[in-house]
Amino acid sequence: MEAMALRRPVLTTSIAASPELVRSGQTGWLFPAGSLDGMENALRECLSMSPEELQKMGDAGFERVTRRHDIDFETSKLAALFRAAKPAPQGRGTVQPATQPTTSFQTF
C-alpha cells in the first residue's frame, strides 16, 4: 500500500490483503507465496518494461490506493465502529487497579 501511495508498481505475494489491492499487470505483479518461478517471472516482466510503462502502473496504483483508502473515509469507518461498540458489563472486561505485591524481591 505504501509503495502504491508513492506511485510505484509493486511485486508482492498473493497473500493477506494484497490481491484486494494489487491488480496484476495493472498496478504491479502478484505471485504465489513461496513460488520462486512466480517471483522470477514477475521480476523479468517488470525489468522488461519501459520507465513510461512503469510510471503508468505506478499512477494506476496511486489512484487505486487513494480511492480505496482515503484518510477521511477510513477515519469515519473507525469512528463508526467505536460508536457502535457497547461497553462491557460492570465487572467484566474492566481494568482493575494494581495491587501491592505479596512477596518482596531482593535486588542485587
PDB file of N, CA and C in Angstrom:
ATOM      1  N   MET A   1       0.828  -1.185   0.000  1.00  0.00           N
ATOM      2  CA  MET A   1       0.000   0.000   0.000  1.00  0.00           C
ATOM      3  C   MET A   1       0.878   1.258   0.000  1.00  0.00           C
ATOM      4  N   GLU A   2       1.938   1.229   0.797  1.00  0.00           N
ATOM      5  CA  GLU A   2       2.806   2.396   0.873  1.00  0.00           C
ATOM      6  C   GLU A   2       3.503   2.668  -0.458  1.00  0.00           C
ATOM      7  N   ALA A   3       3.957   1.606  -1.117  1.00  0.00           N
ATOM      8  CA  ALA A   3       4.600   1.786  -2.420  1.00  0.00           C
ATOM      9  C   ALA A   3       3.618   2.349  -3.431  1.00  0.00           C
ATOM     10  N   MET A   4       2.387   1.883  -3.378  1.00  0.00           N
ATOM     11  CA  MET A   4       1.377   2.383  -4.305  1.00  0.00           C
ATOM     12  C   MET A   4       1.091   3.857  -4.031  1.00  0.00           C
ATOM     13  N   ALA A   5       1.087   4.249  -2.761  1.00  0.00           N
ATOM     14  CA  ALA A   5       0.863   5.653  -2.412  1.00  0.00           C
ATOM     15  C   ALA A   5       2.010   6.529  -2.900  1.00  0.00           C
ATOM     16  N   LEU A   6       3.164   5.908  -3.141  1.00  0.00           N
ATOM     17  CA  LEU A   6       4.326   6.630  -3.685  1.00  0.00           C
ATOM     18  C   LEU A   6       4.432   6.487  -5.205  1.00  0.00           C
ATOM     19  N   ARG A   7       3.350   6.011  -5.817  1.00  0.00           N
ATOM     20  CA  ARG A   7       3.277   5.856  -7.275  1.00  0.00           C
ATOM     21  C   ARG A   7       4.303   4.864  -7.825  1.00  0.00           C
ATOM     22  N   ARG A   8       4.491   3.769  -7.106  1.00  0.00           N
ATOM     23  CA  ARG A   8       5.417   2.726  -7.550  1.00  0.00           C
ATOM     24  C   ARG A   8       4.638   1.448  -7.823  1.00  0.00           C
ATOM     25  N   PRO A   9       4.892   0.780  -8.945  1.00  0.00           N
ATOM     26  CA  PRO A   9       4.289  -0.534  -9.148  1.00  0.00           C
ATOM     27  C   PRO A   9       4.882  -1.500  -8.129  1.00  0.00           C
ATOM     28  N   VAL A  10       4.130  -2.501  -7.730  1.00  0.00           N
ATOM     29  CA  VAL A  10       4.589  -3.403  -6.679  1.00  0.00           C
ATOM     30  C   VAL A  10       4.684  -4.837  -7.164  1.00  0.00           C
ATOM     31  N   LEU A  11       5.599  -5.566  -6.555  1.00  0.00           N
ATOM     32  CA  LEU A  11       5.717  -7.008  -6.730  1.00  0.00           C
ATOM     33  C   LEU A  11       5.451  -7.594  -5.360  1.00  0.00           C
ATOM     34  N   THR A  12       4.444  -8.448  -5.253  1.00  0.00           N
ATOM     35  CA  THR A  12       4.090  -8.995  -3.952  1.00  0.00           C
ATOM     36  C   THR A  12       3.463 -10.368  -4.082  1.00  0.00           C
ATOM     37  N   THR A  13       3.517 -11.107  -2.986  1.00  0.00           N
ATOM     38  CA  THR A  13       2.864 -12.407  -2.970  1.00  0.00           C
ATOM     39  C   THR A  13       1.360 -12.227  -2.834  1.00  0.00           C
ATOM     40  N   SER A  14       0.638 -13.211  -3.286  1.00  0.00           N
ATOM     41  CA  SER A  14      -0.823 -13.131  -3.259  1.00  0.00           C
ATOM     42  C   SER A  14      -1.354 -13.685  -1.933  1.00  0.00           C
ATOM     43  N   ILE A  15      -0.950 -13.037  -0.843  1.00  0.00           N
ATOM     44  CA  ILE A  15      -1.444 -13.416   0.479  1.00  0.00           C
ATOM     45  C   ILE A  15      -2.047 -12.192   1.151  1.00  0.00           C
ATOM     46  N   ALA A  16      -2.746 -12.436   2.242  1.00  0.00           N
ATOM     47  CA  ALA A  16      -3.381 -11.378   3.043  1.00  0.00           C
ATOM     48  C   ALA A  16      -4.251 -10.496   2.149  1.00  0.00           C
ATOM     49  N   ALA A  17      -4.098  -9.189   2.265  1.00  0.00           N
ATOM     50  CA  ALA A  17      -4.951  -8.257   1.517  1.00  0.00           C
ATOM     51  C   ALA A  17      -4.357  -7.857   0.172  1.00  0.00           C
ATOM     52  N   SER A  18      -3.197  -8.370  -0.157  1.00  0.00           N
ATOM     53  CA  SER A  18      -2.547  -7.974  -1.413  1.00  0.00           C
ATOM     54  C   SER A  18      -3.425  -8.157  -2.644  1.00  0.00           C
ATOM     55  N   PRO A  19      -4.105  -9.305  -2.811  1.00  0.00           N
ATOM     56  CA  PRO A  19      -4.936  -9.467  -4.012  1.00  0.00           C
ATOM     57  C   PRO A  19      -6.100  -8.478  -4.091  1.00  0.00           C
ATOM     58  N   GLU A  20      -6.560  -7.968  -2.942  1.00  0.00           N
ATOM     59  CA  GLU A  20      -7.631  -6.976  -2.960  1.00  0.00           C
ATOM     60  C   GLU A  20      -7.141  -5.636  -3.493  1.00  0.00           C
ATOM     61  N   LEU A  21      -5.877  -5.362  -3.283  1.00  0.00           N
ATOM     62  CA  LEU A  21      -5.338  -4.053  -3.614  1.00  0.00           C
ATOM     63  C   LEU A  21      -4.576  -4.042  -4.935  1.00  0.00           C
ATOM     64  N   VAL A  22      -3.724  -5.016  -5.136  1.00  0.00           N
ATOM     65  CA  VAL A  22      -2.861  -5.052  -6.321  1.00  0.00           C
ATOM     66  C   VAL A  22      -3.576  -5.770  -7.459  1.00  0.00           C
ATOM     67  N   ARG A  23      -3.589  -5.155  -8.614  1.00  0.00           N
ATOM     68  CA  ARG A  23      -4.136  -5.760  -9.821  1.00  0.00           C
ATOM     69  C   ARG A  23      -2.947  -6.141 -10.700  1.00  0.00           C
ATOM     70  N   SER A  24      -2.703  -7.448 -10.781  1.00  0.00           N
ATOM     71  CA  SER A  24      -1.547  -7.932 -11.517  1.00  0.00           C
ATOM     72  C   SER A  24      -1.601  -7.472 -12.965  1.00  0.00           C
ATOM     73  N   GLY A  25      -0.510  -6.857 -13.405  1.00  0.00           N
ATOM     74  CA  GLY A  25      -0.436  -6.340 -14.762  1.00  0.00           C
ATOM     75  C   GLY A  25      -0.961  -4.917 -14.912  1.00  0.00           C
ATOM     76  N   GLN A  26      -1.649  -4.404 -13.881  1.00  0.00           N
ATOM     77  CA  GLN A  26      -2.185  -3.043 -13.937  1.00  0.00           C
ATOM     78  C   GLN A  26      -1.515  -2.117 -12.926  1.00  0.00           C
ATOM     79  N   THR A  27      -1.358  -2.607 -11.692  1.00  0.00           N
ATOM     80  CA  THR A  27      -0.745  -1.783 -10.637  1.00  0.00           C
ATOM     81  C   THR A  27       0.524  -2.433 -10.096  1.00  0.00           C
ATOM     82  N   GLY A  28       0.840  -3.608 -10.592  1.00  0.00           N
ATOM     83  CA  GLY A  28       2.018  -4.344 -10.142  1.00  0.00           C
ATOM     84  C   GLY A  28       1.881  -5.800 -10.527  1.00  0.00           C
ATOM     85  N   TRP A  29       2.519  -6.673  -9.743  1.00  0.00           N
ATOM     86  CA  TRP A  29       2.504  -8.103 -10.034  1.00  0.00           C
ATOM     87  C   TRP A  29       2.266  -8.879  -8.761  1.00  0.00           C
ATOM     88  N   LEU A  30       1.411  -9.878  -8.858  1.00  0.00           N
ATOM     89  CA  LEU A  30       1.173 -10.827  -7.786  1.00  0.00           C
ATOM     90  C   LEU A  30       1.750 -12.172  -8.188  1.00  0.00           C
ATOM     91  N   PHE A  31       2.316 -12.871  -7.223  1.00  0.00           N
ATOM     92  CA  PHE A  31       2.771 -14.230  -7.479  1.00  0.00           C
ATOM     93  C   PHE A  31       2.530 -15.055  -6.221  1.00  0.00           C
ATOM     94  N   PRO A  32       2.379 -16.370  -6.362  1.00  0.00           N
ATOM     95  CA  PRO A  32       2.088 -17.218  -5.204  1.00  0.00           C
ATOM     96  C   PRO A  32       3.221 -17.193  -4.183  1.00  0.00           C
ATOM     97  N   ALA A  33       2.856 -17.171  -2.910  1.00  0.00           N
ATOM     98  CA  ALA A  33       3.857 -17.217  -1.845  1.00  0.00           C
ATOM     99  C   ALA A  33       4.688 -18.485  -1.991  1.00  0.00           C
ATOM    100  N   GLY A  34       5.980 -18.335  -1.872  1.00  0.00           N
ATOM    101  CA  GLY A  34       6.877 -19.478  -1.969  1.00  0.00           C
ATOM    102  C   GLY A  34       7.227 -19.896  -3.382  1.00  0.00           C
ATOM    103  N   SER A  35       6.701 -19.212  -4.374  1.00  0.00           N
ATOM    104  CA  SER A  35       6.951 -19.580  -5.769  1.00  0.00           C
ATOM    105  C   SER A  35       8.122 -18.776  -6.326  1.00  0.00           C
ATOM    106  N   LEU A  36       9.269 -19.408  -6.391  1.00  0.00           N
ATOM    107  CA  LEU A  36      10.425 -18.732  -6.985  1.00  0.00           C
ATOM    108  C   LEU A  36      10.201 -18.472  -8.469  1.00  0.00           C
ATOM    109  N   ASP A  37       9.551 -19.413  -9.136  1.00  0.00           N
ATOM    110  CA  ASP A  37       9.247 -19.210 -10.556  1.00  0.00           C
ATOM    111  C   ASP A  37       8.318 -18.018 -10.736  1.00  0.00           C
ATOM    112  N   GLY A  38       7.323 -17.912  -9.882  1.00  0.00           N
ATOM    113  CA  GLY A  38       6.398 -16.788  -9.960  1.00  0.00           C
ATOM    114  C   GLY A  38       7.097 -15.461  -9.726  1.00  0.00           C
ATOM    115  N   MET A  39       7.993 -15.441  -8.731  1.00  0.00           N
ATOM    116  CA  MET A  39       8.742 -14.216  -8.457  1.00  0.00           C
ATOM    117  C   MET A  39       9.672 -13.888  -9.622  1.00  0.00           C
ATOM    118  N   GLU A  40      10.323 -14.894 -10.150  1.00  0.00           N
ATOM    119  CA  GLU A  40      11.222 -14.673 -11.284  1.00  0.00           C
ATOM    120  C   GLU A  40      10.469 -14.113 -12.483  1.00  0.00           C
ATOM    121  N   ASN A  41       9.315 -14.685 -12.781  1.00  0.00           N
ATOM    122  CA  ASN A  41       8.536 -14.211 -13.920  1.00  0.00           C
ATOM    123  C   ASN A  41       8.088 -12.764 -13.718  1.00  0.00           C
ATOM    124  N   ALA A  42       7.652 -12.437 -12.501  1.00  0.00           N
ATOM    125  CA  ALA A  42       7.221 -11.067 -12.206  1.00  0.00           C
ATOM    126  C   ALA A  42       8.392 -10.091 -12.343  1.00  0.00           C
ATOM    127  N   LEU A  43       9.536 -10.477 -11.823  1.00  0.00           N
ATOM    128  CA  LEU A  43      10.725  -9.611 -11.937  1.00  0.00           C
ATOM    129  C   LEU A  43      11.142  -9.424 -13.389  1.00  0.00           C
ATOM    130  N   ARG A  44      11.129 -10.517 -14.144  1.00  0.00           N
ATOM    131  CA  ARG A  44      11.507 -10.407 -15.558  1.00  0.00           C
ATOM    132  C   ARG A  44      10.562  -9.470 -16.306  1.00  0.00           C
ATOM    133  N   GLU A  45       9.263  -9.609 -16.038  1.00  0.00           N
ATOM    134  CA  GLU A  45       8.295  -8.742 -16.697  1.00  0.00           C
ATOM    135  C   GLU A  45       8.513  -7.281 -16.290  1.00  0.00           C
ATOM    136  N   CYS A  46       8.733  -7.078 -15.000  1.00  0.00           N
ATOM    137  CA  CYS A  46       8.973  -5.718 -14.504  1.00  0.00           C
ATOM    138  C   CYS A  46      10.203  -5.105 -15.168  1.00  0.00           C
ATOM    139  N   LEU A  47      11.281  -5.847 -15.211  1.00  0.00           N
ATOM    140  CA  LEU A  47      12.530  -5.331 -15.781  1.00  0.00           C
ATOM    141  C   LEU A  47      12.475  -5.142 -17.295  1.00  0.00           C
ATOM    142  N   SER A  48      11.513  -5.782 -17.941  1.00  0.00           N
ATOM    143  CA  SER A  48      11.397  -5.635 -19.393  1.00  0.00           C
ATOM    144  C   SER A  48      10.558  -4.411 -19.786  1.00  0.00           C
ATOM    145  N   MET A  49       9.942  -3.763 -18.823  1.00  0.00           N
ATOM    146  CA  MET A  49       9.053  -2.634 -19.125  1.00  0.00           C
ATOM    147  C   MET A  49       9.832  -1.331 -19.204  1.00  0.00           C
ATOM    148  N   SER A  50       9.309  -0.408 -19.988  1.00  0.00           N
ATOM    149  CA  SER A  50       9.925   0.907 -20.113  1.00  0.00           C
ATOM    150  C   SER A  50       9.594   1.747 -18.876  1.00  0.00           C
ATOM    151  N   PRO A  51      10.381   2.778 -18.612  1.00  0.00           N
ATOM    152  CA  PRO A  51      10.063   3.670 -17.495  1.00  0.00           C
ATOM    153  C   PRO A  51       8.665   4.274 -17.610  1.00  0.00           C
ATOM    154  N   GLU A  52       8.239   4.558 -18.836  1.00  0.00           N
ATOM    155  CA  GLU A  52       6.902   5.123 -19.044  1.00  0.00           C
ATOM    156  C   GLU A  52       5.807   4.132 -18.645  1.00  0.00           C
ATOM    157  N   GLU A  53       6.000   2.850 -19.017  1.00  0.00           N
ATOM    158  CA  GLU A  53       5.020   1.824 -18.651  1.00  0.00           C
ATOM    159  C   GLU A  53       4.967   1.638 -17.136  1.00  0.00           C
ATOM    160  N   LEU A  54       6.139   1.645 -16.505  1.00  0.00           N
ATOM    161  CA  LEU A  54       6.189   1.505 -15.049  1.00  0.00           C
ATOM    162  C   LEU A  54       5.520   2.692 -14.361  1.00  0.00           C
ATOM    163  N   GLN A  55       5.736   3.882 -14.909  1.00  0.00           N
ATOM    164  CA  GLN A  55       5.097   5.072 -14.340  1.00  0.00           C
ATOM    165  C   GLN A  55       3.578   4.983 -14.463  1.00  0.00           C
ATOM    166  N   LYS A  56       3.106   4.482 -15.598  1.00  0.00           N
ATOM    167  CA  LYS A  56       1.664   4.324 -15.799  1.00  0.00           C
ATOM    168  C   LYS A  56       1.091   3.358 -14.762  1.00  0.00           C
ATOM    169  N   MET A  57       1.801   2.255 -14.501  1.00  0.00           N
ATOM    170  CA  MET A  57       1.360   1.311 -13.479  1.00  0.00           C
ATOM    171  C   MET A  57       1.379   1.953 -12.096  1.00  0.00           C
ATOM    172  N   GLY A  58       2.432   2.719 -11.814  1.00  0.00           N
ATOM    173  CA  GLY A  58       2.530   3.402 -10.528  1.00  0.00           C
ATOM    174  C   GLY A  58       1.397   4.392 -10.329  1.00  0.00           C
ATOM    175  N   ASP A  59       1.072   5.122 -11.381  1.00  0.00           N
ATOM    176  CA  ASP A  59      -0.042   6.074 -11.306  1.00  0.00           C
ATOM    177  C   ASP A  59      -1.368   5.357 -11.064  1.00  0.00           C
ATOM    178  N   ALA A  60      -1.554   4.213 -11.734  1.00  0.00           N
ATOM    179  CA  ALA A  60      -2.786   3.435 -11.542  1.00  0.00           C
ATOM    180  C   ALA A  60      -2.875   2.914 -10.107  1.00  0.00           C
ATOM    181  N   GLY A  61      -1.743   2.502  -9.555  1.00  0.00           N
ATOM    182  CA  GLY A  61      -1.728   2.043  -8.169  1.00  0.00           C
ATOM    183  C   GLY A  61      -2.048   3.166  -7.201  1.00  0.00           C
ATOM    184  N   PHE A  62      -1.503   4.351  -7.465  1.00  0.00           N
ATOM    185  CA  PHE A  62      -1.778   5.522  -6.623  1.00  0.00           C
ATOM    186  C   PHE A  62      -3.273   5.833  -6.627  1.00  0.00           C
ATOM    187  N   GLU A  63      -3.868   5.833  -7.811  1.00  0.00           N
ATOM    188  CA  GLU A  63      -5.302   6.111  -7.912  1.00  0.00           C
ATOM    189  C   GLU A  63      -6.111   5.060  -7.149  1.00  0.00           C
ATOM    190  N   ARG A  64      -5.718   3.817  -7.292  1.00  0.00           N
ATOM    191  CA  ARG A  64      -6.449   2.739  -6.617  1.00  0.00           C
ATOM    192  C   ARG A  64      -6.347   2.847  -5.101  1.00  0.00           C
ATOM    193  N   VAL A  65      -5.148   3.050  -4.585  1.00  0.00           N
ATOM    194  CA  VAL A  65      -4.981   3.077  -3.127  1.00  0.00           C
ATOM    195  C   VAL A  65      -5.601   4.330  -2.513  1.00  0.00           C
ATOM    196  N   THR A  66      -5.512   5.466  -3.183  1.00  0.00           N
ATOM    197  CA  THR A  66      -6.100   6.677  -2.612  1.00  0.00           C
ATOM    198  C   THR A  66      -7.622   6.649  -2.705  1.00  0.00           C
ATOM    199  N   ARG A  67      -8.156   5.998  -3.719  1.00  0.00           N
ATOM    200  CA  ARG A  67      -9.611   5.881  -3.842  1.00  0.00           C
ATOM    201  C   ARG A  67     -10.164   4.918  -2.791  1.00  0.00           C
ATOM    202  N   ARG A  68      -9.461   3.818  -2.555  1.00  0.00           N
ATOM    203  CA  ARG A  68      -9.949   2.795  -1.629  1.00  0.00           C
ATOM    204  C   ARG A  68      -9.593   3.066  -0.175  1.00  0.00           C
ATOM    205  N   HIS A  69      -8.592   3.873   0.072  1.00  0.00           N
ATOM    206  CA  HIS A  69      -8.116   4.087   1.440  1.00  0.00           C
ATOM    207  C   HIS A  69      -7.940   5.566   1.750  1.00  0.00           C
ATOM    208  N   ASP A  70      -8.931   6.345   1.432  1.00  0.00           N
ATOM    209  CA  ASP A  70      -8.932   7.772   1.748  1.00  0.00           C
ATOM    210  C   ASP A  70      -8.931   7.951   3.269  1.00  0.00           C
ATOM    211  N   ILE A  71      -8.086   8.835   3.796  1.00  0.00           N
ATOM    212  CA  ILE A  71      -7.944   9.008   5.232  1.00  0.00           C
ATOM    213  C   ILE A  71      -9.260   9.431   5.884  1.00  0.00           C
ATOM    214  N   ASP A  72     -10.009  10.322   5.268  1.00  0.00           N
ATOM    215  CA  ASP A  72     -11.281  10.757   5.845  1.00  0.00           C
ATOM    216  C   ASP A  72     -12.288   9.603   5.897  1.00  0.00           C
ATOM    217  N   PHE A  73     -12.327   8.816   4.832  1.00  0.00           N
ATOM    218  CA  PHE A  73     -13.236   7.677   4.785  1.00  0.00           C
ATOM    219  C   PHE A  73     -12.860   6.639   5.837  1.00  0.00           C
ATOM    220  N   GLU A  74     -11.575   6.315   5.933  1.00  0.00           N
ATOM    221  CA  GLU A  74     -11.111   5.326   6.908  1.00  0.00           C
ATOM    222  C   GLU A  74     -11.368   5.807   8.335  1.00  0.00           C
ATOM    223  N   THR A  75     -11.150   7.092   8.588  1.00  0.00           N
ATOM    224  CA  THR A  75     -11.393   7.649   9.916  1.00  0.00           C
ATOM    225  C   THR A  75     -12.870   7.562  10.274  1.00  0.00           C
ATOM    226  N   SER A  76     -13.744   7.864   9.329  1.00  0.00           N
ATOM    227  CA  SER A  76     -15.180   7.792   9.613  1.00  0.00           C
ATOM    228  C   SER A  76     -15.620   6.354   9.875  1.00  0.00           C
ATOM    229  N   LYS A  77     -15.036   5.378   9.162  1.00  0.00           N
ATOM    230  CA  LYS A  77     -15.370   3.976   9.417  1.00  0.00           C
ATOM    231  C   LYS A  77     -14.934   3.560  10.821  1.00  0.00           C
ATOM    232  N   LEU A  78     -13.729   3.978  11.217  1.00  0.00           N
ATOM    233  CA  LEU A  78     -13.225   3.647  12.541  1.00  0.00           C
ATOM    234  C   LEU A  78     -14.073   4.303  13.629  1.00  0.00           C
ATOM    235  N   ALA A  79     -14.452   5.552  13.436  1.00  0.00           N
ATOM    236  CA  ALA A  79     -15.295   6.254  14.405  1.00  0.00           C
ATOM    237  C   ALA A  79     -16.646   5.551  14.546  1.00  0.00           C
ATOM    238  N   ALA A  80     -17.207   5.078  13.442  1.00  0.00           N
ATOM    239  CA  ALA A  80     -18.484   4.365  13.497  1.00  0.00           C
ATOM    240  C   ALA A  80     -18.346   3.068  14.284  1.00  0.00           C
ATOM    241  N   LEU A  81     -17.230   2.389  14.132  1.00  0.00           N
ATOM    242  CA  LEU A  81     -17.001   1.169  14.909  1.00  0.00           C
ATOM    243  C   LEU A  81     -16.953   1.469  16.401  1.00  0.00           C
ATOM    244  N   PHE A  82     -16.267   2.542  16.771  1.00  0.00           N
ATOM    245  CA  PHE A  82     -16.189   2.914  18.181  1.00  0.00           C
ATOM    246  C   PHE A  82     -17.566   3.298  18.726  1.00  0.00           C
ATOM    247  N   ARG A  83     -18.351   4.029  17.937  1.00  0.00           N
ATOM    248  CA  ARG A  83     -19.688   4.418  18.389  1.00  0.00           C
ATOM    249  C   ARG A  83     -20.589   3.202  18.569  1.00  0.00           C
ATOM    250  N   ALA A  84     -20.413   2.204  17.714  1.00  0.00           N
ATOM    251  CA  ALA A  84     -21.252   1.010  17.772  1.00  0.00           C
ATOM    252  C   ALA A  84     -20.830   0.049  18.881  1.00  0.00           C
ATOM    253  N   ALA A  85     -19.609   0.185  19.369  1.00  0.00           N
ATOM    254  CA  ALA A  85     -19.126  -0.721  20.415  1.00  0.00           C
ATOM    255  C   ALA A  85     -19.920  -0.497  21.694  1.00  0.00           C
ATOM    256  N   LYS A  86     -20.288  -1.586  22.341  1.00  0.00           N
ATOM    257  CA  LYS A  86     -21.029  -1.495  23.590  1.00  0.00           C
ATOM    258  C   LYS A  86     -20.050  -1.668  24.745  1.00  0.00           C
ATOM    259  N   PRO A  87     -20.238  -0.917  25.808  1.00  0.00           N
ATOM    260  CA  PRO A  87     -19.345  -1.094  26.954  1.00  0.00           C
ATOM    261  C   PRO A  87     -19.532  -2.481  27.570  1.00  0.00           C
ATOM    262  N   ALA A  88     -18.468  -3.015  28.158  1.00  0.00           N
ATOM    263  CA  ALA A  88     -18.534  -4.322  28.800  1.00  0.00           C
ATOM    264  C   ALA A  88     -19.399  -4.226  30.051  1.00  0.00           C
ATOM    265  N   PRO A  89     -20.122  -5.297  30.383  1.00  0.00           N
ATOM    266  CA  PRO A  89     -20.905  -5.274  31.616  1.00  0.00           C
ATOM    267  C   PRO A  89     -20.010  -4.989  32.817  1.00  0.00           C
ATOM    268  N   GLN A  90     -20.584  -4.351  33.843  1.00  0.00           N
ATOM    269  CA  GLN A  90     -19.813  -3.984  35.029  1.00  0.00           C
ATOM    270  C   GLN A  90     -19.105  -5.201  35.602  1.00  0.00           C
ATOM    271  N   GLY A  91     -17.828  -5.051  35.858  1.00  0.00           N
ATOM    272  CA  GLY A  91     -17.053  -6.136  36.452  1.00  0.00           C
ATOM    273  C   GLY A  91     -16.441  -7.083  35.444  1.00  0.00           C
ATOM    274  N   ARG A  92     -16.814  -6.973  34.193  1.00  0.00           N
ATOM    275  CA  ARG A  92     -16.243  -7.843  33.162  1.00  0.00           C
ATOM    276  C   ARG A  92     -15.563  -6.993  32.121  1.00  0.00           C
ATOM    277  N   GLY A  93     -14.315  -7.283  31.839  1.00  0.00           N
ATOM    278  CA  GLY A  93     -13.589  -6.571  30.811  1.00  0.00           C
ATOM    279  C   GLY A  93     -13.104  -5.208  31.246  1.00  0.00           C
ATOM    280  N   THR A  94     -13.183  -4.942  32.540  1.00  0.00           N
ATOM    281  CA  THR A  94     -12.691  -3.657  33.021  1.00  0.00           C
ATOM    282  C   THR A  94     -11.311  -3.850  33.614  1.00  0.00           C
ATOM    283  N   VAL A  95     -10.564  -2.808  33.660  1.00  0.00           N
ATOM    284  CA  VAL A  95      -9.216  -2.861  34.210  1.00  0.00           C
ATOM    285  C   VAL A  95      -9.300  -2.625  35.710  1.00  0.00           C
ATOM    286  N   GLN A  96      -8.724  -3.531  36.477  1.00  0.00           N
ATOM    287  CA  GLN A  96      -8.704  -3.405  37.926  1.00  0.00           C
ATOM    288  C   GLN A  96      -7.457  -2.643  38.357  1.00  0.00           C
ATOM    289  N   PRO A  97      -7.550  -1.890  39.444  1.00  0.00           N
ATOM    290  CA  PRO A  97      -6.359  -1.178  39.910  1.00  0.00           C
ATOM    291  C   PRO A  97      -5.282  -2.164  40.333  1.00  0.00           C
ATOM    292  N   ALA A  98      -4.049  -1.766  40.184  1.00  0.00           N
ATOM    293  CA  ALA A  98      -2.921  -2.612  40.561  1.00  0.00           C
ATOM    294  C   ALA A  98      -2.899  -2.785  42.071  1.00  0.00           C
ATOM    295  N   THR A  99      -2.507  -3.972  42.506  1.00  0.00           N
ATOM    296  CA  THR A  99      -2.389  -4.232  43.937  1.00  0.00           C
ATOM    297  C   THR A  99      -0.917  -4.345  44.297  1.00  0.00           C
ATOM    298  N   GLN A 100      -0.649  -4.214  45.559  1.00  0.00           N
ATOM    299  CA  GLN A 100       0.729  -4.349  46.035  1.00  0.00           C
ATOM    300  C   GLN A 100       1.142  -5.812  45.949  1.00  0.00           C
ATOM    301  N   PRO A 101       2.390  -6.096  45.575  1.00  0.00           N
ATOM    302  CA  PRO A 101       2.826  -7.487  45.527  1.00  0.00           C
ATOM    303  C   PRO A 101       2.829  -8.093  46.931  1.00  0.00           C
ATOM    304  N   THR A 102       2.539  -9.407  46.992  1.00  0.00           N
ATOM    305  CA  THR A 102       2.500 -10.079  48.288  1.00  0.00           C
ATOM    306  C   THR A 102       3.865 -10.593  48.694  1.00  0.00           C
ATOM    307  N   THR A 103       4.794 -10.647  47.789  1.00  0.00           N
ATOM    308  CA  THR A 103       6.149 -11.073  48.124  1.00  0.00           C
ATOM    309  C   THR A 103       7.092  -9.940  47.773  1.00  0.00           C
ATOM    310  N   SER A 104       8.222  -9.943  48.451  1.00  0.00           N
ATOM    311  CA  SER A 104       9.229  -8.935  48.140  1.00  0.00           C
ATOM    312  C   SER A 104      10.353  -9.584  47.356  1.00  0.00           C
ATOM    313  N   PHE A 105      10.956  -8.814  46.506  1.00  0.00           N
ATOM    314  CA  PHE A 105      12.064  -9.295  45.695  1.00  0.00           C
ATOM    315  C   PHE A 105      13.320  -8.549  46.108  1.00  0.00           C
ATOM    316  N   GLN A 106      14.377  -9.282  46.260  1.00  0.00           N
ATOM    317  CA  GLN A 106      15.639  -8.670  46.638  1.00  0.00           C
ATOM    318  C   GLN A 106      16.392  -8.327  45.367  1.00  0.00           C
ATOM    319  N   THR A 107      16.890  -7.121  45.262  1.00  0.00           N
ATOM    320  CA  THR A 107      17.701  -6.745  44.106  1.00  0.00           C
ATOM    321  C   THR A 107      19.155  -6.893  44.459  1.00  0.00           C
ATOM    322  N   PHE A 108      19.961  -7.270  43.523  1.00  0.00           N
ATOM    323  CA  PHE A 108      21.394  -7.452  43.731  1.00  0.00           C
ATOM    324  C   PHE A 108      22.177  -6.338  43.135  1.00  0.00           C
TER     325      PHE A 108
END
